Amino acid sequence: MKIKKIAYIVLGCIGVGLGAIGAVVPMIPAFPFLLLAAFCFGRSSKKLNNWFINTKLYKNNLESYVQGKGMTWKTKIRIMIMVTVLMSIGFVMMSRVPVGRIALACVWLFHIVYFVFGVKTIKTENV
């Protein structure tokens, strides 16, 4: 049981680190890494979970989504642009793998549809 807890803590710290980098560097999306950190810290210890949910990084990027309120259009567009750019690089590199391109295109399309229609949009004031 202790090894599992340590693994969650390590993964949570990696998620926070990559999420912090992603909040500053436009090429790295912060959202999925911070979700990973929230999940891992929630499973590892209450103290770490409480610390994480009180950080500015969490409050600015995840709090409204985790509470079920949704995301602002600005956040949604930022995530969709970053995923589109990164997937485009993979798409170009798969010029000789048409099945890979099709799979990547399907994943990209699902991603866009999910963020446009699946995630509730909230106004900036409500955040």
C-alpha atoms as a PDB file:
ATOM      1  CA  MET A   1       0.000   0.000   0.000  1.00  0.00           C
ATOM      2  CA  LYS A   2       2.870   2.373   0.793  1.00  0.00           C
ATOM      3  CA  ILE A   3       4.438   1.892  -2.664  1.00  0.00           C
ATOM      4  CA  LYS A   4       1.139   2.808  -4.311  1.00  0.00           C
ATOM      5  CA  LYS A   5       0.902   5.983  -2.221  1.00  0.00           C
ATOM      6  CA  ILE A   6       4.493   6.961  -3.105  1.00  0.00           C
ATOM      7  CA  ALA A   7       3.797   6.345  -6.802  1.00  0.00           C
ATOM      8  CA  TYR A   8       0.754   8.661  -6.639  1.00  0.00           C
ATOM      9  CA  ILE A   9       2.836  11.350  -4.903  1.00  0.00           C
ATOM     10  CA  VAL A  10       5.602  11.095  -7.518  1.00  0.00           C
ATOM     11  CA  LEU A  11       3.119  11.221 -10.414  1.00  0.00           C
ATOM     12  CA  GLY A  12       1.324  14.142  -8.758  1.00  0.00           C
ATOM     13  CA  CYS A  13       4.580  16.082  -8.404  1.00  0.00           C
ATOM     14  CA  ILE A  14       5.438  15.402 -12.043  1.00  0.00           C
ATOM     15  CA  GLY A  15       1.957  16.607 -13.010  1.00  0.00           C
ATOM     16  CA  VAL A  16       2.352  19.816 -10.997  1.00  0.00           C
ATOM     17  CA  GLY A  17       5.791  20.430 -12.508  1.00  0.00           C
ATOM     18  CA  LEU A  18       4.638  19.921 -16.085  1.00  0.00           C
ATOM     19  CA  GLY A  19       1.451  21.886 -15.398  1.00  0.00           C
ATOM     20  CA  ALA A  20       3.471  24.805 -14.036  1.00  0.00           C
ATOM     21  CA  ILE A  21       5.683  24.733 -17.120  1.00  0.00           C
ATOM     22  CA  GLY A  22       2.574  24.524 -19.298  1.00  0.00           C
ATOM     23  CA  ALA A  23       1.077  27.578 -17.623  1.00  0.00           C
ATOM     24  CA  VAL A  24       4.096  29.601 -18.762  1.00  0.00           C
ATOM     25  CA  VAL A  25       5.212  27.927 -21.999  1.00  0.00           C
ATOM     26  CA  PRO A  26       2.537  28.187 -24.701  1.00  0.00           C
ATOM     27  CA  MET A  27       3.538  24.911 -26.433  1.00  0.00           C
ATOM     28  CA  ILE A  28       2.729  22.730 -23.414  1.00  0.00           C
ATOM     29  CA  PRO A  29      -0.882  22.415 -22.239  1.00  0.00           C
ATOM     30  CA  ALA A  30      -1.207  22.769 -18.454  1.00  0.00           C
ATOM     31  CA  PHE A  31      -4.713  21.346 -18.120  1.00  0.00           C
ATOM     32  CA  PRO A  32      -4.099  17.576 -18.531  1.00  0.00           C
ATOM     33  CA  PHE A  33      -1.045  17.617 -16.268  1.00  0.00           C
ATOM     34  CA  LEU A  34      -2.896  19.481 -13.557  1.00  0.00           C
ATOM     35  CA  LEU A  35      -5.788  17.023 -13.819  1.00  0.00           C
ATOM     36  CA  LEU A  36      -3.252  14.214 -13.359  1.00  0.00           C
ATOM     37  CA  ALA A  37      -1.846  15.980 -10.292  1.00  0.00           C
ATOM     38  CA  ALA A  38      -5.315  16.507  -8.807  1.00  0.00           C
ATOM     39  CA  PHE A  39      -6.177  12.836  -9.301  1.00  0.00           C
ATOM     40  CA  CYS A  40      -2.880  11.584  -7.879  1.00  0.00           C
ATOM     41  CA  PHE A  41      -2.830  13.899  -4.866  1.00  0.00           C
ATOM     42  CA  GLY A  42      -6.442  13.030  -4.147  1.00  0.00           C
ATOM     43  CA  ARG A  43      -5.444   9.362  -4.011  1.00  0.00           C
ATOM     44  CA  SER A  44      -2.189   9.812  -2.091  1.00  0.00           C
ATOM     45  CA  SER A  45      -2.969  11.997   0.943  1.00  0.00           C
ATOM     46  CA  LYS A  46      -5.464  14.544   2.200  1.00  0.00           C
ATOM     47  CA  LYS A  47      -2.686  16.957   3.141  1.00  0.00           C
ATOM     48  CA  LEU A  48      -1.233  17.023  -0.392  1.00  0.00           C
ATOM     49  CA  ASN A  49      -4.692  17.243  -1.916  1.00  0.00           C
ATOM     50  CA  ASN A  50      -5.600  20.227   0.288  1.00  0.00           C
ATOM     51  CA  TRP A  51      -2.309  21.939  -0.554  1.00  0.00           C
ATOM     52  CA  PHE A  52      -2.830  21.422  -4.288  1.00  0.00           C
ATOM     53  CA  ILE A  53      -6.422  22.639  -4.433  1.00  0.00           C
ATOM     54  CA  ASN A  54      -5.375  25.841  -2.658  1.00  0.00           C
ATOM     55  CA  THR A  55      -2.629  26.722  -5.162  1.00  0.00           C
ATOM     56  CA  LYS A  56      -3.104  29.542  -7.660  1.00  0.00           C
ATOM     57  CA  LEU A  57      -2.222  27.121 -10.467  1.00  0.00           C
ATOM     58  CA  TYR A  58      -5.171  24.887  -9.594  1.00  0.00           C
ATOM     59  CA  LYS A  59      -7.587  27.766  -9.043  1.00  0.00           C
ATOM     60  CA  ASN A  60      -6.733  29.424 -12.369  1.00  0.00           C
ATOM     61  CA  ASN A  61      -6.819  26.299 -14.529  1.00  0.00           C
ATOM     62  CA  LEU A  62      -8.939  23.544 -12.998  1.00  0.00           C
ATOM     63  CA  GLU A  63     -11.191  24.658 -10.188  1.00  0.00           C
ATOM     64  CA  SER A  64     -14.247  25.614 -12.242  1.00  0.00           C
ATOM     65  CA  TYR A  65     -13.981  22.455 -14.391  1.00  0.00           C
ATOM     66  CA  VAL A  66     -13.586  20.112 -11.418  1.00  0.00           C
ATOM     67  CA  GLN A  67     -16.526  21.759  -9.654  1.00  0.00           C
ATOM     68  CA  GLY A  68     -18.653  20.994 -12.704  1.00  0.00           C
ATOM     69  CA  LYS A  69     -19.110  24.608 -13.726  1.00  0.00           C
ATOM     70  CA  GLY A  70     -17.195  24.344 -16.990  1.00  0.00           C
ATOM     71  CA  MET A  71     -14.515  26.434 -18.697  1.00  0.00           C
ATOM     72  CA  THR A  72     -14.271  29.861 -20.229  1.00  0.00           C
ATOM     73  CA  TRP A  73     -14.022  30.171 -24.011  1.00  0.00           C
ATOM     74  CA  LYS A  74     -10.516  31.540 -23.562  1.00  0.00           C
ATOM     75  CA  THR A  75      -9.394  28.372 -21.760  1.00  0.00           C
ATOM     76  CA  LYS A  76     -11.161  26.099 -24.241  1.00  0.00           C
ATOM     77  CA  ILE A  77      -9.630  27.856 -27.241  1.00  0.00           C
ATOM     78  CA  ARG A  78      -6.160  27.819 -25.688  1.00  0.00           C
ATOM     79  CA  ILE A  79      -6.412  24.053 -25.128  1.00  0.00           C
ATOM     80  CA  MET A  80      -7.821  23.375 -28.609  1.00  0.00           C
ATOM     81  CA  ILE A  81      -5.113  25.456 -30.315  1.00  0.00           C
ATOM     82  CA  MET A  82      -2.320  23.719 -28.434  1.00  0.00           C
ATOM     83  CA  VAL A  83      -3.661  20.255 -29.175  1.00  0.00           C
ATOM     84  CA  THR A  84      -4.182  21.180 -32.829  1.00  0.00           C
ATOM     85  CA  VAL A  85      -0.608  22.453 -33.163  1.00  0.00           C
ATOM     86  CA  LEU A  86       0.895  19.409 -31.461  1.00  0.00           C
ATOM     87  CA  MET A  87      -1.265  16.945 -33.395  1.00  0.00           C
ATOM     88  CA  SER A  88      -0.430  18.730 -36.651  1.00  0.00           C
ATOM     89  CA  ILE A  89       3.244  18.033 -36.052  1.00  0.00           C
ATOM     90  CA  GLY A  90       2.458  14.344 -35.593  1.00  0.00           C
ATOM     91  CA  PHE A  91       0.195  14.396 -38.649  1.00  0.00           C
ATOM     92  CA  VAL A  92       2.972  15.828 -40.842  1.00  0.00           C
ATOM     93  CA  MET A  93       5.497  13.328 -39.486  1.00  0.00           C
ATOM     94  CA  MET A  94       3.180  10.412 -40.349  1.00  0.00           C
ATOM     95  CA  SER A  95       3.279  11.077 -44.090  1.00  0.00           C
ATOM     96  CA  ARG A  96       4.007   7.398 -44.794  1.00  0.00           C
ATOM     97  CA  VAL A  97       1.495   6.019 -42.298  1.00  0.00           C
ATOM     98  CA  PRO A  98      -2.016   6.740 -43.605  1.00  0.00           C
ATOM     99  CA  VAL A  99      -3.692   4.669 -40.874  1.00  0.00           C
ATOM    100  CA  GLY A 100      -1.848   6.712 -38.244  1.00  0.00           C
ATOM    101  CA  ARG A 101      -3.015   9.914 -39.892  1.00  0.00           C
ATOM    102  CA  ILE A 102      -6.608   8.701 -39.896  1.00  0.00           C
ATOM    103  CA  ALA A 103      -6.394   7.728 -36.217  1.00  0.00           C
ATOM    104  CA  LEU A 104      -4.818  11.052 -35.318  1.00  0.00           C
ATOM    105  CA  ALA A 105      -7.465  12.947 -37.274  1.00  0.00           C
ATOM    106  CA  CYS A 106     -10.225  11.040 -35.462  1.00  0.00           C
ATOM    107  CA  VAL A 107      -8.681  11.786 -32.059  1.00  0.00           C
ATOM    108  CA  TRP A 108      -8.317  15.464 -33.007  1.00  0.00           C
ATOM    109  CA  LEU A 109     -11.928  15.647 -34.197  1.00  0.00           C
ATOM    110  CA  PHE A 110     -13.193  14.004 -30.991  1.00  0.00           C
ATOM    111  CA  HIS A 111     -11.129  16.460 -28.966  1.00  0.00           C
ATOM    112  CA  ILE A 112     -12.614  19.486 -30.725  1.00  0.00           C
ATOM    113  CA  VAL A 113     -16.189  18.158 -30.500  1.00  0.00           C
ATOM    114  CA  TYR A 114     -15.723  17.344 -26.801  1.00  0.00           C
ATOM    115  CA  PHE A 115     -14.452  20.805 -25.868  1.00  0.00           C
ATOM    116  CA  VAL A 116     -17.024  22.657 -27.977  1.00  0.00           C
ATOM    117  CA  PHE A 117     -20.105  20.605 -27.045  1.00  0.00           C
ATOM    118  CA  GLY A 118     -19.146  18.413 -24.066  1.00  0.00           C
ATOM    119  CA  VAL A 119     -17.605  20.959 -21.713  1.00  0.00           C
ATOM    120  CA  LYS A 120     -19.947  23.647 -20.440  1.00  0.00           C
ATOM    121  CA  THR A 121     -18.913  27.194 -21.301  1.00  0.00           C
ATOM    122  CA  ILE A 122     -18.990  29.766 -18.527  1.00  0.00           C
ATOM    123  CA  LYS A 123     -18.569  33.520 -18.576  1.00  0.00           C
ATOM    124  CA  THR A 124     -15.341  35.027 -17.246  1.00  0.00           C
ATOM    125  CA  GLU A 125     -17.126  36.831 -14.396  1.00  0.00           C
ATOM    126  CA  ASN A 126     -18.464  33.539 -13.014  1.00  0.00           C
ATOM    127  CA  VAL A 127     -15.017  32.067 -12.545  1.00  0.00           C
END
